[in-house]
Amino acid sequence: MLEEYREIVKLLSKAKKTIATMESCTGGGVVNCITDIEGSSEVLRISIVTYSNDAKVKMGVDKEVIDRYTVYSFEVADQMSYQISQFADSDYGIGITGMLNCIDPNNSNPNKRNLVYISIYDRKNNRFYQECIQVHEFVREKNKKTVIEKVGKMLLSLLS
């Protein structure tokens, strides 16, 4: 996984592009991988963990979108990636939201259990790249790692 992120930092640096992240369920795992790489300060603008809905709203995610689609949706992930890109004036924004546990304590979204929504916003082309992955482990750390690896693969594909 570290090699993927090493290549991502290298490609961003070579293209003189920048990135920003707004993570929820991964708790900053993506930005941690980026900052593990020497030279990341050239490409990383900002990273924010918006674990609560209130934090997402403070960063520009529309509360009505959360209310309509739930926080576990592409609509919210897209707003996260877009808003962080705008806030940071970065070329790319990453938004990640979802559920890493096998149990929803409120059982409020039975059809969205263990789904994580990833959005990468490409500012130059005004385009969103999306993935929804289902995680299956009963251990949050393993599920986080799966999501972080997927984000790395998406970024490599986009930048290559």
N, C-alpha and C. Protein backbone atom coordinates (compact mmCIF):
# COMPACT_ATOMS: atom_id res chain seq x y z
N MET A 1 0.83 -1.19 0.00
CA MET A 1 0.00 0.00 0.00
C MET A 1 0.87 1.25 0.00
N LEU A 2 1.96 1.24 0.75
CA LEU A 2 2.83 2.40 0.82
C LEU A 2 3.43 2.72 -0.56
N GLU A 3 3.73 1.69 -1.33
CA GLU A 3 4.29 1.92 -2.67
C GLU A 3 3.28 2.64 -3.57
N GLU A 4 2.01 2.30 -3.44
CA GLU A 4 0.98 3.00 -4.23
C GLU A 4 0.97 4.49 -3.87
N TYR A 5 1.00 4.78 -2.60
CA TYR A 5 0.97 6.18 -2.19
C TYR A 5 2.27 6.90 -2.52
N ARG A 6 3.38 6.19 -2.52
CA ARG A 6 4.65 6.78 -2.95
C ARG A 6 4.54 7.22 -4.42
N GLU A 7 3.93 6.36 -5.23
CA GLU A 7 3.75 6.66 -6.65
C GLU A 7 2.76 7.82 -6.84
N ILE A 8 1.73 7.88 -6.03
CA ILE A 8 0.75 8.96 -6.09
C ILE A 8 1.42 10.30 -5.81
N VAL A 9 2.21 10.37 -4.75
CA VAL A 9 2.91 11.62 -4.42
C VAL A 9 3.86 11.99 -5.55
N LYS A 10 4.56 11.01 -6.09
CA LYS A 10 5.49 11.26 -7.20
C LYS A 10 4.75 11.82 -8.43
N LEU A 11 3.62 11.21 -8.79
CA LEU A 11 2.86 11.66 -9.96
C LEU A 11 2.27 13.05 -9.75
N LEU A 12 1.73 13.29 -8.56
CA LEU A 12 1.19 14.63 -8.26
C LEU A 12 2.29 15.68 -8.32
N SER A 13 3.43 15.37 -7.74
CA SER A 13 4.54 16.30 -7.70
C SER A 13 5.05 16.61 -9.12
N LYS A 14 5.19 15.57 -9.90
CA LYS A 14 5.68 15.73 -11.28
C LYS A 14 4.72 16.60 -12.10
N ALA A 15 3.41 16.42 -11.88
CA ALA A 15 2.40 17.19 -12.62
C ALA A 15 2.12 18.55 -11.99
N LYS A 16 2.78 18.80 -10.86
CA LYS A 16 2.55 20.04 -10.11
C LYS A 16 1.07 20.20 -9.75
N LYS A 17 0.50 19.11 -9.25
CA LYS A 17 -0.90 19.06 -8.83
C LYS A 17 -0.98 18.90 -7.33
N THR A 18 -2.12 19.31 -6.78
CA THR A 18 -2.32 19.23 -5.33
C THR A 18 -3.58 18.44 -5.01
N ILE A 19 -3.64 18.03 -3.75
CA ILE A 19 -4.73 17.19 -3.29
C ILE A 19 -5.15 17.63 -1.89
N ALA A 20 -6.42 17.38 -1.57
CA ALA A 20 -6.95 17.64 -0.23
C ALA A 20 -7.94 16.52 0.08
N THR A 21 -8.10 16.21 1.35
CA THR A 21 -9.01 15.12 1.71
C THR A 21 -9.99 15.55 2.80
N MET A 22 -11.20 15.03 2.69
CA MET A 22 -12.20 15.13 3.75
C MET A 22 -12.64 13.70 4.02
N GLU A 23 -12.15 13.15 5.11
CA GLU A 23 -12.43 11.75 5.44
C GLU A 23 -13.37 11.67 6.63
N SER A 24 -14.18 10.65 6.61
CA SER A 24 -15.04 10.38 7.76
C SER A 24 -14.65 9.03 8.35
N CYS A 25 -15.21 7.95 7.84
CA CYS A 25 -15.01 6.64 8.47
C CYS A 25 -13.56 6.17 8.47
N THR A 26 -12.74 6.65 7.57
CA THR A 26 -11.32 6.25 7.55
C THR A 26 -10.48 7.04 8.54
N GLY A 27 -11.06 8.07 9.13
CA GLY A 27 -10.41 8.79 10.22
C GLY A 27 -9.04 9.36 9.91
N GLY A 28 -8.80 9.72 8.67
CA GLY A 28 -7.49 10.29 8.31
C GLY A 28 -6.50 9.26 7.81
N GLY A 29 -6.95 8.06 7.55
CA GLY A 29 -6.05 7.00 7.09
C GLY A 29 -5.42 7.29 5.75
N VAL A 30 -6.18 7.90 4.84
CA VAL A 30 -5.64 8.22 3.51
C VAL A 30 -4.54 9.27 3.64
N VAL A 31 -4.83 10.35 4.38
CA VAL A 31 -3.82 11.40 4.52
C VAL A 31 -2.61 10.88 5.28
N ASN A 32 -2.81 9.96 6.19
CA ASN A 32 -1.67 9.36 6.89
C ASN A 32 -0.74 8.66 5.90
N CYS A 33 -1.31 7.94 4.95
CA CYS A 33 -0.48 7.28 3.93
C CYS A 33 0.25 8.30 3.07
N ILE A 34 -0.43 9.39 2.74
CA ILE A 34 0.21 10.42 1.93
C ILE A 34 1.37 11.06 2.69
N THR A 35 1.14 11.40 3.96
CA THR A 35 2.18 12.09 4.72
C THR A 35 3.31 11.17 5.16
N ASP A 36 3.14 9.88 4.99
CA ASP A 36 4.25 8.95 5.24
C ASP A 36 5.33 9.05 4.16
N ILE A 37 5.01 9.74 3.06
CA ILE A 37 5.91 9.83 1.92
C ILE A 37 6.66 11.16 1.94
N GLU A 38 7.96 11.07 1.80
CA GLU A 38 8.77 12.28 1.70
C GLU A 38 8.34 13.07 0.47
N GLY A 39 8.21 14.36 0.64
CA GLY A 39 7.79 15.22 -0.46
C GLY A 39 6.29 15.48 -0.50
N SER A 40 5.57 14.87 0.42
CA SER A 40 4.11 15.04 0.42
C SER A 40 3.69 16.48 0.68
N SER A 41 4.54 17.25 1.34
CA SER A 41 4.18 18.65 1.62
C SER A 41 4.06 19.47 0.34
N GLU A 42 4.64 18.99 -0.75
CA GLU A 42 4.52 19.69 -2.03
C GLU A 42 3.14 19.51 -2.65
N VAL A 43 2.45 18.42 -2.30
CA VAL A 43 1.20 18.10 -2.99
C VAL A 43 -0.03 18.15 -2.09
N LEU A 44 0.14 18.01 -0.80
CA LEU A 44 -1.01 17.98 0.11
C LEU A 44 -1.33 19.38 0.61
N ARG A 45 -2.56 19.82 0.38
CA ARG A 45 -2.98 21.14 0.82
C ARG A 45 -3.55 21.11 2.23
N ILE A 46 -4.51 20.20 2.46
CA ILE A 46 -5.17 20.12 3.76
C ILE A 46 -5.90 18.79 3.84
N SER A 47 -6.10 18.34 5.05
CA SER A 47 -6.91 17.16 5.29
C SER A 47 -7.74 17.40 6.54
N ILE A 48 -9.00 17.03 6.45
CA ILE A 48 -9.91 17.23 7.56
C ILE A 48 -10.69 15.94 7.80
N VAL A 49 -10.78 15.54 9.05
CA VAL A 49 -11.63 14.41 9.42
C VAL A 49 -12.94 14.99 9.91
N THR A 50 -13.99 14.74 9.16
CA THR A 50 -15.33 15.23 9.51
C THR A 50 -16.17 14.03 9.91
N TYR A 51 -15.96 13.57 11.11
CA TYR A 51 -16.62 12.35 11.56
C TYR A 51 -18.10 12.59 11.84
N SER A 52 -18.45 13.75 12.32
CA SER A 52 -19.87 14.04 12.61
C SER A 52 -20.52 14.73 11.42
N ASN A 53 -21.83 14.63 11.36
CA ASN A 53 -22.57 15.34 10.31
C ASN A 53 -22.41 16.85 10.46
N ASP A 54 -22.39 17.33 11.70
CA ASP A 54 -22.20 18.77 11.94
C ASP A 54 -20.89 19.26 11.34
N ALA A 55 -19.84 18.48 11.49
CA ALA A 55 -18.54 18.87 10.93
C ALA A 55 -18.60 18.91 9.40
N LYS A 56 -19.29 17.95 8.81
CA LYS A 56 -19.44 17.95 7.35
C LYS A 56 -20.17 19.21 6.91
N VAL A 57 -21.24 19.55 7.60
CA VAL A 57 -22.02 20.74 7.26
C VAL A 57 -21.16 21.99 7.42
N LYS A 58 -20.36 22.08 8.47
CA LYS A 58 -19.48 23.23 8.66
C LYS A 58 -18.48 23.37 7.53
N MET A 59 -18.13 22.24 6.90
CA MET A 59 -17.19 22.27 5.78
C MET A 59 -17.89 22.43 4.43
N GLY A 60 -19.20 22.67 4.46
CA GLY A 60 -19.90 22.99 3.22
C GLY A 60 -20.83 21.94 2.67
N VAL A 61 -20.88 20.77 3.29
CA VAL A 61 -21.81 19.74 2.82
C VAL A 61 -23.23 20.20 3.19
N ASP A 62 -24.12 20.14 2.23
CA ASP A 62 -25.49 20.60 2.42
C ASP A 62 -26.26 19.66 3.35
N LYS A 63 -26.78 20.18 4.45
CA LYS A 63 -27.52 19.38 5.42
C LYS A 63 -28.73 18.72 4.76
N GLU A 64 -29.36 19.39 3.82
CA GLU A 64 -30.52 18.82 3.13
C GLU A 64 -30.13 17.60 2.32
N VAL A 65 -28.93 17.58 1.79
CA VAL A 65 -28.44 16.42 1.05
C VAL A 65 -28.24 15.24 2.02
N ILE A 66 -27.67 15.53 3.18
CA ILE A 66 -27.50 14.49 4.19
C ILE A 66 -28.87 13.95 4.61
N ASP A 67 -29.81 14.85 4.85
CA ASP A 67 -31.15 14.44 5.28
C ASP A 67 -31.88 13.63 4.21
N ARG A 68 -31.68 14.00 2.97
CA ARG A 68 -32.40 13.33 1.88
C ARG A 68 -31.80 11.97 1.52
N TYR A 69 -30.46 11.91 1.43
CA TYR A 69 -29.80 10.69 0.94
C TYR A 69 -29.13 9.87 2.03
N THR A 70 -29.02 10.39 3.22
CA THR A 70 -28.27 9.89 4.37
C THR A 70 -26.80 10.21 4.18
N VAL A 71 -26.08 10.20 5.26
CA VAL A 71 -24.66 10.52 5.21
C VAL A 71 -23.89 9.42 4.47
N TYR A 72 -24.48 8.26 4.34
CA TYR A 72 -23.87 7.13 3.64
C TYR A 72 -24.37 7.11 2.21
N SER A 73 -23.79 7.97 1.37
CA SER A 73 -24.27 8.08 -0.01
C SER A 73 -23.20 8.72 -0.90
N PHE A 74 -23.35 8.47 -2.22
CA PHE A 74 -22.48 9.14 -3.18
C PHE A 74 -22.69 10.64 -3.16
N GLU A 75 -23.94 11.06 -2.94
CA GLU A 75 -24.24 12.49 -2.94
C GLU A 75 -23.42 13.22 -1.88
N VAL A 76 -23.32 12.62 -0.70
CA VAL A 76 -22.53 13.24 0.37
C VAL A 76 -21.04 13.13 0.07
N ALA A 77 -20.59 11.97 -0.39
CA ALA A 77 -19.16 11.81 -0.73
C ALA A 77 -18.75 12.82 -1.80
N ASP A 78 -19.61 13.03 -2.80
CA ASP A 78 -19.31 14.01 -3.85
C ASP A 78 -19.20 15.42 -3.27
N GLN A 79 -20.13 15.77 -2.39
CA GLN A 79 -20.06 17.11 -1.80
C GLN A 79 -18.79 17.25 -0.95
N MET A 80 -18.42 16.19 -0.25
CA MET A 80 -17.19 16.24 0.55
C MET A 80 -15.97 16.48 -0.33
N SER A 81 -15.86 15.72 -1.43
CA SER A 81 -14.68 15.87 -2.30
C SER A 81 -14.67 17.24 -2.97
N TYR A 82 -15.83 17.72 -3.39
CA TYR A 82 -15.92 19.02 -4.03
C TYR A 82 -15.60 20.15 -3.05
N GLN A 83 -16.22 20.11 -1.89
CA GLN A 83 -16.05 21.19 -0.91
C GLN A 83 -14.60 21.29 -0.41
N ILE A 84 -13.95 20.16 -0.19
CA ILE A 84 -12.57 20.22 0.30
C ILE A 84 -11.64 20.72 -0.80
N SER A 85 -11.93 20.37 -2.05
CA SER A 85 -11.13 20.88 -3.16
C SER A 85 -11.27 22.40 -3.27
N GLN A 86 -12.49 22.88 -3.13
CA GLN A 86 -12.74 24.32 -3.19
C GLN A 86 -12.08 25.04 -2.01
N PHE A 87 -12.27 24.51 -0.82
CA PHE A 87 -11.72 25.11 0.39
C PHE A 87 -10.20 25.22 0.32
N ALA A 88 -9.57 24.16 -0.19
CA ALA A 88 -8.11 24.11 -0.23
C ALA A 88 -7.52 24.66 -1.51
N ASP A 89 -8.37 24.96 -2.50
CA ASP A 89 -7.89 25.36 -3.81
C ASP A 89 -6.93 24.30 -4.36
N SER A 90 -7.38 23.05 -4.27
CA SER A 90 -6.55 21.93 -4.73
C SER A 90 -7.09 21.37 -6.04
N ASP A 91 -6.22 20.70 -6.77
CA ASP A 91 -6.60 20.09 -8.05
C ASP A 91 -7.54 18.90 -7.86
N TYR A 92 -7.33 18.17 -6.77
CA TYR A 92 -8.15 16.99 -6.49
C TYR A 92 -8.65 17.06 -5.06
N GLY A 93 -9.87 16.59 -4.88
CA GLY A 93 -10.44 16.46 -3.54
C GLY A 93 -10.92 15.04 -3.35
N ILE A 94 -10.72 14.52 -2.17
CA ILE A 94 -11.19 13.17 -1.85
C ILE A 94 -12.23 13.28 -0.74
N GLY A 95 -13.36 12.62 -0.94
CA GLY A 95 -14.39 12.53 0.07
C GLY A 95 -14.70 11.07 0.36
N ILE A 96 -14.70 10.71 1.63
CA ILE A 96 -14.96 9.32 2.01
C ILE A 96 -15.96 9.31 3.15
N THR A 97 -17.04 8.56 2.97
CA THR A 97 -18.05 8.41 4.01
C THR A 97 -18.64 7.00 3.92
N GLY A 98 -19.02 6.47 5.02
CA GLY A 98 -19.62 5.14 4.99
C GLY A 98 -19.63 4.49 6.35
N MET A 99 -19.89 3.22 6.32
CA MET A 99 -20.04 2.45 7.54
C MET A 99 -19.04 1.29 7.52
N LEU A 100 -18.19 1.24 8.53
CA LEU A 100 -17.16 0.20 8.60
C LEU A 100 -17.55 -0.99 9.47
N ASN A 101 -18.60 -0.86 10.22
CA ASN A 101 -19.01 -1.95 11.11
C ASN A 101 -20.04 -2.84 10.44
N CYS A 102 -20.18 -4.02 10.97
CA CYS A 102 -21.20 -4.93 10.48
C CYS A 102 -22.53 -4.67 11.15
N ILE A 103 -22.54 -3.81 12.14
CA ILE A 103 -23.77 -3.53 12.87
C ILE A 103 -24.02 -2.03 12.86
N ASP A 104 -25.21 -1.65 12.44
CA ASP A 104 -25.65 -0.26 12.54
C ASP A 104 -26.42 -0.18 13.85
N PRO A 105 -25.89 0.52 14.85
CA PRO A 105 -26.52 0.50 16.17
C PRO A 105 -27.97 1.00 16.16
N ASN A 106 -28.30 1.86 15.24
CA ASN A 106 -29.67 2.37 15.16
C ASN A 106 -30.52 1.62 14.15
N ASN A 107 -29.88 0.72 13.40
CA ASN A 107 -30.54 -0.02 12.33
C ASN A 107 -31.29 0.94 11.40
N SER A 108 -30.74 2.15 11.24
CA SER A 108 -31.42 3.17 10.46
C SER A 108 -31.22 3.01 8.97
N ASN A 109 -30.17 2.33 8.58
CA ASN A 109 -29.88 2.16 7.15
C ASN A 109 -29.56 0.69 6.85
N PRO A 110 -30.54 -0.21 6.96
CA PRO A 110 -30.24 -1.63 6.80
C PRO A 110 -29.67 -1.98 5.43
N ASN A 111 -29.95 -1.17 4.41
CA ASN A 111 -29.44 -1.46 3.07
C ASN A 111 -28.07 -0.84 2.82
N LYS A 112 -27.55 -0.11 3.79
CA LYS A 112 -26.27 0.57 3.59
C LYS A 112 -25.20 0.10 4.57
N ARG A 113 -25.41 -1.02 5.19
CA ARG A 113 -24.43 -1.55 6.14
C ARG A 113 -23.15 -1.92 5.41
N ASN A 114 -22.05 -1.55 6.03
CA ASN A 114 -20.73 -1.93 5.53
C ASN A 114 -20.41 -1.39 4.15
N LEU A 115 -21.10 -0.35 3.73
CA LEU A 115 -20.80 0.28 2.44
C LEU A 115 -20.02 1.56 2.69
N VAL A 116 -18.99 1.76 1.89
CA VAL A 116 -18.19 2.98 1.98
C VAL A 116 -18.21 3.64 0.60
N TYR A 117 -18.51 4.92 0.61
CA TYR A 117 -18.63 5.70 -0.61
C TYR A 117 -17.40 6.59 -0.74
N ILE A 118 -16.75 6.47 -1.88
CA ILE A 118 -15.52 7.21 -2.16
C ILE A 118 -15.77 8.11 -3.37
N SER A 119 -15.38 9.36 -3.25
CA SER A 119 -15.48 10.29 -4.37
C SER A 119 -14.16 11.04 -4.49
N ILE A 120 -13.66 11.08 -5.70
CA ILE A 120 -12.49 11.90 -6.02
C ILE A 120 -12.95 12.95 -7.02
N TYR A 121 -12.78 14.20 -6.65
CA TYR A 121 -13.17 15.31 -7.52
C TYR A 121 -11.95 15.82 -8.26
N ASP A 122 -12.05 15.88 -9.58
CA ASP A 122 -11.02 16.42 -10.46
C ASP A 122 -11.48 17.83 -10.85
N ARG A 123 -10.86 18.82 -10.26
CA ARG A 123 -11.29 20.21 -10.42
C ARG A 123 -11.13 20.71 -11.86
N LYS A 124 -10.04 20.36 -12.49
CA LYS A 124 -9.77 20.84 -13.85
C LYS A 124 -10.87 20.38 -14.81
N ASN A 125 -11.27 19.14 -14.69
CA ASN A 125 -12.28 18.57 -15.58
C ASN A 125 -13.69 18.61 -15.00
N ASN A 126 -13.83 19.16 -13.78
CA ASN A 126 -15.12 19.23 -13.10
C ASN A 126 -15.83 17.87 -13.15
N ARG A 127 -15.11 16.84 -12.72
CA ARG A 127 -15.62 15.47 -12.82
C ARG A 127 -15.40 14.72 -11.51
N PHE A 128 -16.36 13.88 -11.18
CA PHE A 128 -16.27 13.03 -10.00
C PHE A 128 -15.97 11.60 -10.42
N TYR A 129 -15.07 10.97 -9.70
CA TYR A 129 -14.79 9.55 -9.87
C TYR A 129 -15.27 8.87 -8.59
N GLN A 130 -16.16 7.90 -8.75
CA GLN A 130 -16.81 7.31 -7.58
C GLN A 130 -16.60 5.81 -7.51
N GLU A 131 -16.58 5.33 -6.30
CA GLU A 131 -16.58 3.89 -6.03
C GLU A 131 -17.36 3.66 -4.75
N CYS A 132 -18.08 2.58 -4.72
CA CYS A 132 -18.73 2.13 -3.49
C CYS A 132 -18.21 0.73 -3.23
N ILE A 133 -17.65 0.54 -2.07
CA ILE A 133 -17.16 -0.80 -1.76
C ILE A 133 -17.84 -1.31 -0.50
N GLN A 134 -18.01 -2.62 -0.49
CA GLN A 134 -18.58 -3.25 0.70
C GLN A 134 -17.44 -3.93 1.44
N VAL A 135 -17.37 -3.66 2.73
CA VAL A 135 -16.35 -4.28 3.57
C VAL A 135 -17.00 -5.40 4.38
N HIS A 136 -16.21 -6.45 4.63
CA HIS A 136 -16.80 -7.66 5.20
C HIS A 136 -16.21 -8.09 6.53
N GLU A 137 -15.13 -7.47 6.91
CA GLU A 137 -14.47 -7.91 8.14
C GLU A 137 -15.23 -7.41 9.37
N PHE A 138 -15.04 -8.10 10.47
CA PHE A 138 -15.64 -7.67 11.73
C PHE A 138 -14.68 -6.78 12.52
N VAL A 139 -13.53 -6.49 11.93
CA VAL A 139 -12.52 -5.67 12.58
C VAL A 139 -12.40 -4.36 11.79
N ARG A 140 -12.68 -3.26 12.47
CA ARG A 140 -12.67 -1.95 11.81
C ARG A 140 -11.35 -1.65 11.12
N GLU A 141 -10.24 -1.97 11.78
CA GLU A 141 -8.92 -1.66 11.21
C GLU A 141 -8.73 -2.33 9.85
N LYS A 142 -9.19 -3.56 9.72
CA LYS A 142 -9.08 -4.26 8.43
C LYS A 142 -9.95 -3.59 7.38
N ASN A 143 -11.15 -3.16 7.77
CA ASN A 143 -12.04 -2.49 6.83
C ASN A 143 -11.46 -1.15 6.40
N LYS A 144 -10.87 -0.41 7.34
CA LYS A 144 -10.22 0.85 6.98
C LYS A 144 -9.11 0.61 5.96
N LYS A 145 -8.31 -0.40 6.22
CA LYS A 145 -7.19 -0.70 5.31
C LYS A 145 -7.71 -1.02 3.91
N THR A 146 -8.79 -1.76 3.82
CA THR A 146 -9.39 -2.09 2.52
C THR A 146 -9.80 -0.82 1.78
N VAL A 147 -10.43 0.11 2.49
CA VAL A 147 -10.88 1.36 1.87
C VAL A 147 -9.68 2.20 1.45
N ILE A 148 -8.70 2.32 2.31
CA ILE A 148 -7.50 3.12 2.01
C ILE A 148 -6.77 2.56 0.79
N GLU A 149 -6.69 1.25 0.69
CA GLU A 149 -6.09 0.62 -0.49
C GLU A 149 -6.88 0.93 -1.75
N LYS A 150 -8.20 0.90 -1.65
CA LYS A 150 -9.06 1.20 -2.80
C LYS A 150 -8.87 2.64 -3.26
N VAL A 151 -8.78 3.57 -2.33
CA VAL A 151 -8.55 4.97 -2.68
C VAL A 151 -7.22 5.10 -3.41
N GLY A 152 -6.20 4.42 -2.92
CA GLY A 152 -4.90 4.45 -3.58
C GLY A 152 -4.97 3.96 -5.01
N LYS A 153 -5.68 2.87 -5.23
CA LYS A 153 -5.84 2.33 -6.60
C LYS A 153 -6.60 3.30 -7.49
N MET A 154 -7.64 3.92 -6.93
CA MET A 154 -8.41 4.90 -7.71
C MET A 154 -7.53 6.09 -8.10
N LEU A 155 -6.76 6.60 -7.15
CA LEU A 155 -5.89 7.74 -7.43
C LEU A 155 -4.83 7.38 -8.48
N LEU A 156 -4.23 6.22 -8.34
CA LEU A 156 -3.22 5.79 -9.33
C LEU A 156 -3.82 5.70 -10.72
N SER A 157 -4.99 5.15 -10.82
CA SER A 157 -5.66 5.02 -12.10
C SER A 157 -5.95 6.40 -12.70
N LEU A 158 -6.42 7.30 -11.87
CA LEU A 158 -6.74 8.65 -12.33
C LEU A 158 -5.50 9.42 -12.76
N LEU A 159 -4.40 9.27 -12.03
CA LEU A 159 -3.19 10.05 -12.29
C LEU A 159 -2.31 9.45 -13.38
N SER A 160 -2.48 8.18 -13.66
CA SER A 160 -1.61 7.50 -14.66
C SER A 160 -2.05 7.78 -16.08
